[in-house]
Every structure is written in C-alpha cells, then in structure tokens.
PDB file of N, CA and C in Angstrom:
ATOM      1  N   UNK A   1      22.909  62.744  -3.075  1.00  0.00           N
ATOM      2  CA  UNK A   1      23.191  62.142  -1.689  1.00  0.00           C
ATOM      3  C   UNK A   1      23.790  61.156  -2.682  1.00  0.00           C
ATOM      4  N   UNK A   2      25.166  60.715  -2.275  1.00  0.00           N
ATOM      5  CA  UNK A   2      25.642  59.212  -3.011  1.00  0.00           C
ATOM      6  C   UNK A   2      26.250  58.735  -1.533  1.00  0.00           C
ATOM      7  N   UNK A   3      25.686  57.742  -1.100  1.00  0.00           N
ATOM      8  CA  UNK A   3      26.535  56.603  -0.467  1.00  0.00           C
ATOM      9  C   UNK A   3      27.216  55.374  -0.966  1.00  0.00           C
ATOM     10  N   UNK A   4      28.291  55.389   0.067  1.00  0.00           N
ATOM     11  CA  UNK A   4      29.420  54.571  -0.356  1.00  0.00           C
ATOM     12  C   UNK A   4      29.772  55.326  -2.091  1.00  0.00           C
ATOM     13  N   UNK A   5      30.567  56.138  -2.615  1.00  0.00           N
ATOM     14  CA  UNK A   5      30.592  56.292  -3.603  1.00  0.00           C
ATOM     15  C   UNK A   5      32.334  56.195  -4.055  1.00  0.00           C
ATOM     16  N   UNK A   6      32.227  55.421  -5.193  1.00  0.00           N
ATOM     17  CA  UNK A   6      33.508  54.479  -5.026  1.00  0.00           C
ATOM     18  C   UNK A   6      34.580  56.116  -5.927  1.00  0.00           C
ATOM     19  N   UNK A   7      35.307  55.899  -5.467  1.00  0.00           N
ATOM     20  CA  UNK A   7      36.325  56.440  -5.884  1.00  0.00           C
ATOM     21  C   UNK A   7      37.654  56.363  -6.529  1.00  0.00           C
ATOM     22  N   UNK A   8      38.096  55.004  -6.406  1.00  0.00           N
ATOM     23  CA  UNK A   8      38.814  54.335  -7.345  1.00  0.00           C
ATOM     24  C   UNK A   8      40.042  53.921  -6.605  1.00  0.00           C
ATOM     25  N   UNK A   9      39.688  54.434  -5.580  1.00  0.00           N
ATOM     26  CA  UNK A   9      40.754  54.374  -4.030  1.00  0.00           C
ATOM     27  C   UNK A   9      39.732  53.400  -3.242  1.00  0.00           C
ATOM     28  N   UNK A  10      38.972  53.149  -2.950  1.00  0.00           N
ATOM     29  CA  UNK A  10      37.471  52.914  -2.151  1.00  0.00           C
ATOM     30  C   UNK A  10      36.442  53.642  -2.348  1.00  0.00           C
ATOM     31  N   UNK A  11      35.998  53.723  -1.416  1.00  0.00           N
ATOM     32  CA  UNK A  11      34.248  54.237  -0.966  1.00  0.00           C
ATOM     33  C   UNK A  11      33.929  55.116  -0.310  1.00  0.00           C
ATOM     34  N   UNK A  12      34.109  56.515  -0.277  1.00  0.00           N
ATOM     35  CA  UNK A  12      33.881  57.830   0.883  1.00  0.00           C
ATOM     36  C   UNK A  12      32.028  57.207   1.130  1.00  0.00           C
ATOM     37  N   UNK A  13      31.617  57.035   2.146  1.00  0.00           N
ATOM     38  CA  UNK A  13      30.800  56.526   3.182  1.00  0.00           C
ATOM     39  C   UNK A  13      29.785  57.894   2.068  1.00  0.00           C
ATOM     40  N   UNK A  14      29.691  58.845   2.805  1.00  0.00           N
ATOM     41  CA  UNK A  14      28.847  59.707   1.748  1.00  0.00           C
ATOM     42  C   UNK A  14      29.348  60.811   1.246  1.00  0.00           C
ATOM     43  N   UNK A  15      28.782  61.675   0.074  1.00  0.00           N
ATOM     44  CA  UNK A  15      29.178  62.173  -0.596  1.00  0.00           C
ATOM     45  C   UNK A  15      27.721  63.382  -0.881  1.00  0.00           C
ATOM     46  N   UNK A  16      27.602  64.487  -0.721  1.00  0.00           N
ATOM     47  CA  UNK A  16      26.462  65.450  -0.551  1.00  0.00           C
ATOM     48  C   UNK A  16      27.394  66.830  -1.943  1.00  0.00           C
ATOM     49  N   UNK A  17      26.489  66.536  -3.196  1.00  0.00           N
ATOM     50  CA  UNK A  17      26.556  67.448  -4.245  1.00  0.00           C
ATOM     51  C   UNK A  17      25.562  68.356  -4.327  1.00  0.00           C
ATOM     52  N   UNK A  18      25.810  70.043  -4.549  1.00  0.00           N
ATOM     53  CA  UNK A  18      24.526  70.341  -4.214  1.00  0.00           C
ATOM     54  C   UNK A  18      24.007  70.807  -5.518  1.00  0.00           C
ATOM     55  N   UNK A  19      23.153  70.499  -5.306  1.00  0.00           N
ATOM     56  CA  UNK A  19      22.223  71.044  -7.247  1.00  0.00           C
ATOM     57  C   UNK A  19      23.008  72.538  -7.577  1.00  0.00           C
ATOM     58  N   UNK A  20      22.567  72.590  -8.859  1.00  0.00           N
ATOM     59  CA  UNK A  20      23.405  73.833  -9.593  1.00  0.00           C
ATOM     60  C   UNK A  20      22.496  74.627  -9.112  1.00  0.00           C
ATOM     61  N   UNK A  21      23.029  75.857  -9.296  1.00  0.00           N
ATOM     62  CA  UNK A  21      22.459  77.528  -8.621  1.00  0.00           C
ATOM     63  C   UNK A  21      22.389  77.354  -7.352  1.00  0.00           C
ATOM     64  N   UNK A  22      22.814  76.468  -6.569  1.00  0.00           N
ATOM     65  CA  UNK A  22      22.594  76.545  -5.131  1.00  0.00           C
ATOM     66  C   UNK A  22      23.754  76.401  -3.852  1.00  0.00           C
ATOM     67  N   UNK A  23      23.690  77.944  -3.713  1.00  0.00           N
ATOM     68  CA  UNK A  23      25.235  78.322  -2.923  1.00  0.00           C
ATOM     69  C   UNK A  23      25.615  77.378  -1.677  1.00  0.00           C
ATOM     70  N   UNK A  24      25.753  76.212  -1.915  1.00  0.00           N
ATOM     71  CA  UNK A  24      26.138  75.670  -0.429  1.00  0.00           C
ATOM     72  C   UNK A  24      27.376  74.470  -0.939  1.00  0.00           C
ATOM     73  N   UNK A  25      28.063  73.936   0.061  1.00  0.00           N
ATOM     74  CA  UNK A  25      29.598  73.251   0.136  1.00  0.00           C
ATOM     75  C   UNK A  25      28.988  71.977  -0.315  1.00  0.00           C
ATOM     76  N   UNK A  26      29.794  71.384  -1.042  1.00  0.00           N
ATOM     77  CA  UNK A  26      29.967  69.946  -1.181  1.00  0.00           C
ATOM     78  C   UNK A  26      30.310  69.402   0.166  1.00  0.00           C
ATOM     79  N   UNK A  27      30.030  68.017   0.157  1.00  0.00           N
ATOM     80  CA  UNK A  27      30.243  67.528   1.913  1.00  0.00           C
ATOM     81  C   UNK A  27      30.585  66.644   1.355  1.00  0.00           C
ATOM     82  N   UNK A  28      32.386  65.504   1.281  1.00  0.00           N
ATOM     83  CA  UNK A  28      32.588  64.310   1.493  1.00  0.00           C
ATOM     84  C   UNK A  28      32.607  63.982   3.221  1.00  0.00           C
ATOM     85  N   UNK A  29      32.244  62.616   3.695  1.00  0.00           N
ATOM     86  CA  UNK A  29      31.879  62.485   5.053  1.00  0.00           C
ATOM     87  C   UNK A  29      32.166  60.616   4.655  1.00  0.00           C
ATOM     88  N   UNK A  30      33.273  60.883   5.746  1.00  0.00           N
ATOM     89  CA  UNK A  30      33.675  59.774   6.187  1.00  0.00           C
ATOM     90  C   UNK A  30      33.826  59.297   7.746  1.00  0.00           C
ATOM     91  N   UNK A  31      32.700  58.356   7.897  1.00  0.00           N
ATOM     92  CA  UNK A  31      32.395  57.886   9.578  1.00  0.00           C
ATOM     93  C   UNK A  31      33.442  56.140   9.570  1.00  0.00           C
ATOM     94  N   UNK A  32      33.834  56.590  11.152  1.00  0.00           N
ATOM     95  CA  UNK A  32      34.859  55.607  11.924  1.00  0.00           C
ATOM     96  C   UNK A  32      34.294  55.168  13.320  1.00  0.00           C
ATOM     97  N   UNK A  33      34.527  53.756  13.848  1.00  0.00           N
ATOM     98  CA  UNK A  33      34.156  53.236  14.523  1.00  0.00           C
ATOM     99  C   UNK A  33      34.972  53.265  15.260  1.00  0.00           C
ATOM    100  N   UNK A  34      34.770  53.705  16.589  1.00  0.00           N
ATOM    101  CA  UNK A  34      36.800  53.763  17.837  1.00  0.00           C
ATOM    102  C   UNK A  34      37.628  54.026  17.269  1.00  0.00           C
ATOM    103  N   UNK A  35      37.529  54.580  16.126  1.00  0.00           N
ATOM    104  CA  UNK A  35      38.625  55.389  15.487  1.00  0.00           C
ATOM    105  C   UNK A  35      38.448  56.452  15.217  1.00  0.00           C
ATOM    106  N   UNK A  36      39.721  57.317  15.923  1.00  0.00           N
ATOM    107  CA  UNK A  36      39.607  59.346  15.496  1.00  0.00           C
ATOM    108  C   UNK A  36      38.851  59.599  14.153  1.00  0.00           C
ATOM    109  N   UNK A  37      38.267  60.911  14.809  1.00  0.00           N
ATOM    110  CA  UNK A  37      37.523  61.687  13.454  1.00  0.00           C
ATOM    111  C   UNK A  37      38.720  62.082  12.629  1.00  0.00           C
ATOM    112  N   UNK A  38      40.422  62.347  13.051  1.00  0.00           N
ATOM    113  CA  UNK A  38      41.469  62.757  12.678  1.00  0.00           C
ATOM    114  C   UNK A  38      41.656  61.708  11.408  1.00  0.00           C
ATOM    115  N   UNK A  39      41.414  60.446  11.598  1.00  0.00           N
ATOM    116  CA  UNK A  39      41.776  59.581  11.608  1.00  0.00           C
ATOM    117  C   UNK A  39      41.018  59.398   9.568  1.00  0.00           C
ATOM    118  N   UNK A  40      39.375  60.085   9.881  1.00  0.00           N
ATOM    119  CA  UNK A  40      38.258  60.009   9.147  1.00  0.00           C
ATOM    120  C   UNK A  40      38.906  61.082   8.231  1.00  0.00           C
ATOM    121  N   UNK A  41      39.802  62.097   8.167  1.00  0.00           N
ATOM    122  CA  UNK A  41      40.049  62.978   7.753  1.00  0.00           C
ATOM    123  C   UNK A  41      41.272  62.785   6.836  1.00  0.00           C
ATOM    124  N   UNK A  42      41.804  61.727   8.201  1.00  0.00           N
ATOM    125  CA  UNK A  42      43.475  61.389   6.862  1.00  0.00           C
ATOM    126  C   UNK A  42      43.029  60.439   5.927  1.00  0.00           C
ATOM    127  N   UNK A  43      42.009  59.870   5.695  1.00  0.00           N
ATOM    128  CA  UNK A  43      41.372  58.668   4.887  1.00  0.00           C
ATOM    129  C   UNK A  43      40.961  59.192   3.528  1.00  0.00           C
ATOM    130  N   UNK A  44      40.840  60.486   4.030  1.00  0.00           N
ATOM    131  CA  UNK A  44      39.425  61.016   2.431  1.00  0.00           C
ATOM    132  C   UNK A  44      40.959  61.627   2.331  1.00  0.00           C
ATOM    133  N   UNK A  45      41.819  62.261   1.958  1.00  0.00           N
ATOM    134  CA  UNK A  45      42.925  62.756   1.891  1.00  0.00           C
ATOM    135  C   UNK A  45      43.800  61.780   1.119  1.00  0.00           C
ATOM    136  N   UNK A  46      43.948  60.766   1.806  1.00  0.00           N
ATOM    137  CA  UNK A  46      45.266  59.436   1.630  1.00  0.00           C
ATOM    138  C   UNK A  46      44.034  58.515   0.694  1.00  0.00           C
ATOM    139  N   UNK A  47      43.231  58.630   0.327  1.00  0.00           N
ATOM    140  CA  UNK A  47      42.342  57.913  -0.657  1.00  0.00           C
ATOM    141  C   UNK A  47      41.825  59.259  -1.988  1.00  0.00           C
ATOM    142  N   UNK A  48      42.198  59.944  -1.446  1.00  0.00           N
ATOM    143  CA  UNK A  48      41.843  61.288  -2.754  1.00  0.00           C
ATOM    144  C   UNK A  48      39.925  61.211  -3.405  1.00  0.00           C
ATOM    145  N   UNK A  49      39.468  61.003  -2.201  1.00  0.00           N
ATOM    146  CA  UNK A  49      37.788  60.961  -2.084  1.00  0.00           C
ATOM    147  C   UNK A  49      36.664  62.321  -2.745  1.00  0.00           C
ATOM    148  N   UNK A  50      37.911  63.233  -2.701  1.00  0.00           N
ATOM    149  CA  UNK A  50      37.489  64.299  -3.303  1.00  0.00           C
ATOM    150  C   UNK A  50      37.922  64.814  -4.942  1.00  0.00           C
ATOM    151  N   UNK A  51      38.509  63.509  -5.419  1.00  0.00           N
ATOM    152  CA  UNK A  51      38.962  64.058  -7.172  1.00  0.00           C
ATOM    153  C   UNK A  51      37.483  63.272  -7.194  1.00  0.00           C
ATOM    154  N   UNK A  52      36.504  62.981  -6.374  1.00  0.00           N
ATOM    155  CA  UNK A  52      34.717  62.786  -7.730  1.00  0.00           C
ATOM    156  C   UNK A  52      33.940  63.789  -7.552  1.00  0.00           C
ATOM    157  N   UNK A  53      34.535  64.883  -6.661  1.00  0.00           N
ATOM    158  CA  UNK A  53      33.545  66.368  -7.063  1.00  0.00           C
ATOM    159  C   UNK A  53      34.276  67.081  -7.376  1.00  0.00           C
ATOM    160  N   UNK A  54      35.692  67.169  -7.727  1.00  0.00           N
ATOM    161  CA  UNK A  54      37.103  68.170  -8.311  1.00  0.00           C
ATOM    162  C   UNK A  54      36.288  68.691  -9.073  1.00  0.00           C
ATOM    163  N   UNK A  55      35.120  68.352 -10.002  1.00  0.00           N
ATOM    164  CA  UNK A  55      34.601  69.730 -11.148  1.00  0.00           C
ATOM    165  C   UNK A  55      33.547  70.532 -10.824  1.00  0.00           C
ATOM    166  N   UNK A  56      33.153  70.080  -9.103  1.00  0.00           N
ATOM    167  CA  UNK A  56      32.073  71.191  -8.726  1.00  0.00           C
ATOM    168  C   UNK A  56      32.814  72.678  -8.211  1.00  0.00           C
ATOM    169  N   UNK A  57      32.483  73.283  -8.504  1.00  0.00           N
ATOM    170  CA  UNK A  57      32.943  74.649  -8.835  1.00  0.00           C
ATOM    171  C   UNK A  57      33.017  75.774  -7.282  1.00  0.00           C
ATOM    172  N   UNK A  58      32.591  74.932  -6.372  1.00  0.00           N
ATOM    173  CA  UNK A  58      32.096  75.648  -5.128  1.00  0.00           C
ATOM    174  C   UNK A  58      32.940  74.964  -4.213  1.00  0.00           C
ATOM    175  N   UNK A  59      32.264  75.360  -2.901  1.00  0.00           N
ATOM    176  CA  UNK A  59      33.295  74.987  -1.710  1.00  0.00           C
ATOM    177  C   UNK A  59      32.987  73.416  -1.522  1.00  0.00           C
ATOM    178  N   UNK A  60      34.067  72.579  -1.042  1.00  0.00           N
ATOM    179  CA  UNK A  60      33.806  71.437  -0.609  1.00  0.00           C
ATOM    180  C   UNK A  60      34.374  71.264   0.982  1.00  0.00           C
ATOM    181  N   UNK A  61      33.507  70.920   1.851  1.00  0.00           N
ATOM    182  CA  UNK A  61      34.189  70.203   3.069  1.00  0.00           C
ATOM    183  C   UNK A  61      34.281  68.814   3.187  1.00  0.00           C
ATOM    184  N   UNK A  62      35.271  68.716   3.930  1.00  0.00           N
ATOM    185  CA  UNK A  62      35.929  67.135   4.616  1.00  0.00           C
ATOM    186  C   UNK A  62      35.117  66.663   6.294  1.00  0.00           C
ATOM    187  N   UNK A  63      34.738  66.334   6.385  1.00  0.00           N
ATOM    188  CA  UNK A  63      33.939  65.989   7.383  1.00  0.00           C
ATOM    189  C   UNK A  63      34.683  64.422   7.849  1.00  0.00           C
ATOM    190  N   UNK A  64      34.804  64.541   8.859  1.00  0.00           N
ATOM    191  CA  UNK A  64      35.316  63.126   9.683  1.00  0.00           C
ATOM    192  C   UNK A  64      34.012  62.811  11.186  1.00  0.00           C
ATOM    193  N   UNK A  65      33.884  61.769  10.987  1.00  0.00           N
ATOM    194  CA  UNK A  65      32.866  61.638  12.094  1.00  0.00           C
ATOM    195  C   UNK A  65      33.455  60.208  13.075  1.00  0.00           C
ATOM    196  N   UNK A  66      33.671  59.802  13.828  1.00  0.00           N
ATOM    197  CA  UNK A  66      34.197  59.484  15.141  1.00  0.00           C
ATOM    198  C   UNK A  66      33.036  59.117  15.843  1.00  0.00           C
ATOM    199  N   UNK A  67      32.410  57.462  15.998  1.00  0.00           N
ATOM    200  CA  UNK A  67      31.433  57.394  16.660  1.00  0.00           C
ATOM    201  C   UNK A  67      31.991  56.123  17.482  1.00  0.00           C
ATOM    202  N   UNK A  68      31.534  55.909  18.524  1.00  0.00           N
ATOM    203  CA  UNK A  68      31.909  54.610  19.381  1.00  0.00           C
ATOM    204  C   UNK A  68      30.872  53.660  20.085  1.00  0.00           C
ATOM    205  N   UNK A  69      30.970  52.622  21.150  1.00  0.00           N
ATOM    206  CA  UNK A  69      29.545  52.126  21.523  1.00  0.00           C
ATOM    207  C   UNK A  69      28.841  52.263  22.793  1.00  0.00           C
ATOM    208  N   UNK A  70      29.555  53.866  23.268  1.00  0.00           N
ATOM    209  CA  UNK A  70      28.778  54.648  24.201  1.00  0.00           C
ATOM    210  C   UNK A  70      28.202  55.367  23.748  1.00  0.00           C
ATOM    211  N   UNK A  71      27.637  55.409  22.177  1.00  0.00           N
ATOM    212  CA  UNK A  71      27.633  56.683  22.132  1.00  0.00           C
ATOM    213  C   UNK A  71      27.668  57.760  21.569  1.00  0.00           C
ATOM    214  N   UNK A  72      29.486  57.708  21.704  1.00  0.00           N
ATOM    215  CA  UNK A  72      30.107  59.132  21.819  1.00  0.00           C
ATOM    216  C   UNK A  72      30.351  59.571  20.674  1.00  0.00           C
ATOM    217  N   UNK A  73      30.572  60.796  20.207  1.00  0.00           N
ATOM    218  CA  UNK A  73      31.244  61.243  18.724  1.00  0.00           C
ATOM    219  C   UNK A  73      31.721  62.061  18.631  1.00  0.00           C
ATOM    220  N   UNK A  74      32.768  62.221  17.745  1.00  0.00           N
ATOM    221  CA  UNK A  74      33.280  63.646  17.381  1.00  0.00           C
ATOM    222  C   UNK A  74      33.396  63.546  16.317  1.00  0.00           C
ATOM    223  N   UNK A  75      33.747  64.816  15.589  1.00  0.00           N
ATOM    224  CA  UNK A  75      33.376  65.948  14.316  1.00  0.00           C
ATOM    225  C   UNK A  75      35.008  66.694  13.929  1.00  0.00           C
ATOM    226  N   UNK A  76      35.366  66.635  12.944  1.00  0.00           N
ATOM    227  CA  UNK A  76      36.143  67.127  12.778  1.00  0.00           C
ATOM    228  C   UNK A  76      36.014  67.955  11.120  1.00  0.00           C
ATOM    229  N   UNK A  77      35.429  69.092  11.182  1.00  0.00           N
ATOM    230  CA  UNK A  77      35.410  69.320   9.284  1.00  0.00           C
ATOM    231  C   UNK A  77      36.835  70.571   8.784  1.00  0.00           C
ATOM    232  N   UNK A  78      36.791  70.235   7.925  1.00  0.00           N
ATOM    233  CA  UNK A  78      38.211  71.325   6.906  1.00  0.00           C
ATOM    234  C   UNK A  78      37.749  71.530   5.630  1.00  0.00           C
ATOM    235  N   UNK A  79      37.806  72.409   5.084  1.00  0.00           N
ATOM    236  CA  UNK A  79      37.787  72.772   3.927  1.00  0.00           C
ATOM    237  C   UNK A  79      38.916  72.075   3.595  1.00  0.00           C
ATOM    238  N   UNK A  80      38.678  72.240   1.610  1.00  0.00           N
ATOM    239  CA  UNK A  80      39.429  71.735   1.057  1.00  0.00           C
ATOM    240  C   UNK A  80      39.515  73.569   0.172  1.00  0.00           C
ATOM    241  N   UNK A  81      40.834  73.550  -0.393  1.00  0.00           N
ATOM    242  CA  UNK A  81      41.897  74.574  -0.194  1.00  0.00           C
ATOM    243  C   UNK A  81      41.766  74.080  -2.550  1.00  0.00           C
ATOM    244  N   UNK A  82      41.464  74.850  -2.866  1.00  0.00           N
ATOM    245  CA  UNK A  82      41.408  75.036  -4.319  1.00  0.00           C
ATOM    246  C   UNK A  82      42.985  75.660  -5.038  1.00  0.00           C
TER     247      UNK A  82
END
C-alpha cells in the first residue's frame, strides 16, 4: 500500500499493488470531499496516476470516492482496459 504516491503529475491518494503470485487487482484510489466520485475518476485519468502501476500485469481498478460533512459517500469503480 502506498499513500500519496508521487505520479509525476500529482499524488494518488492511495495505491494498492498486490504481492507477486497473488490474483488480486491493483487499486488506484482518489478521495474527494464535497466533489463527485466521477471527478475523482477523471483526476486519476487526467493526471495519469495509473502510469505508476503500468508494469503490473494484472487487472487495475480505478476507485473514486466522494464524501461530505454529513458523512454521506458515493463510490465509482472502473476497470482499466489494457
């Protein structure tokens, strides 16, 4: 797990890269306060956060999580097509 992983165009909030020989997807997670989960996904794409895990040969999921002061949240998950 990497927090605030430097990507060259910013910092991904959280990145999980599975250990070798583990059949789990890598996750690139962006958190947004009072903005949409779709905005978080767009930031991951626009700032090319997935380039840091490009050498990972398994599935990669983009996760955008939005939350607000009322503790309400939404989540969007997208697969990265290789």
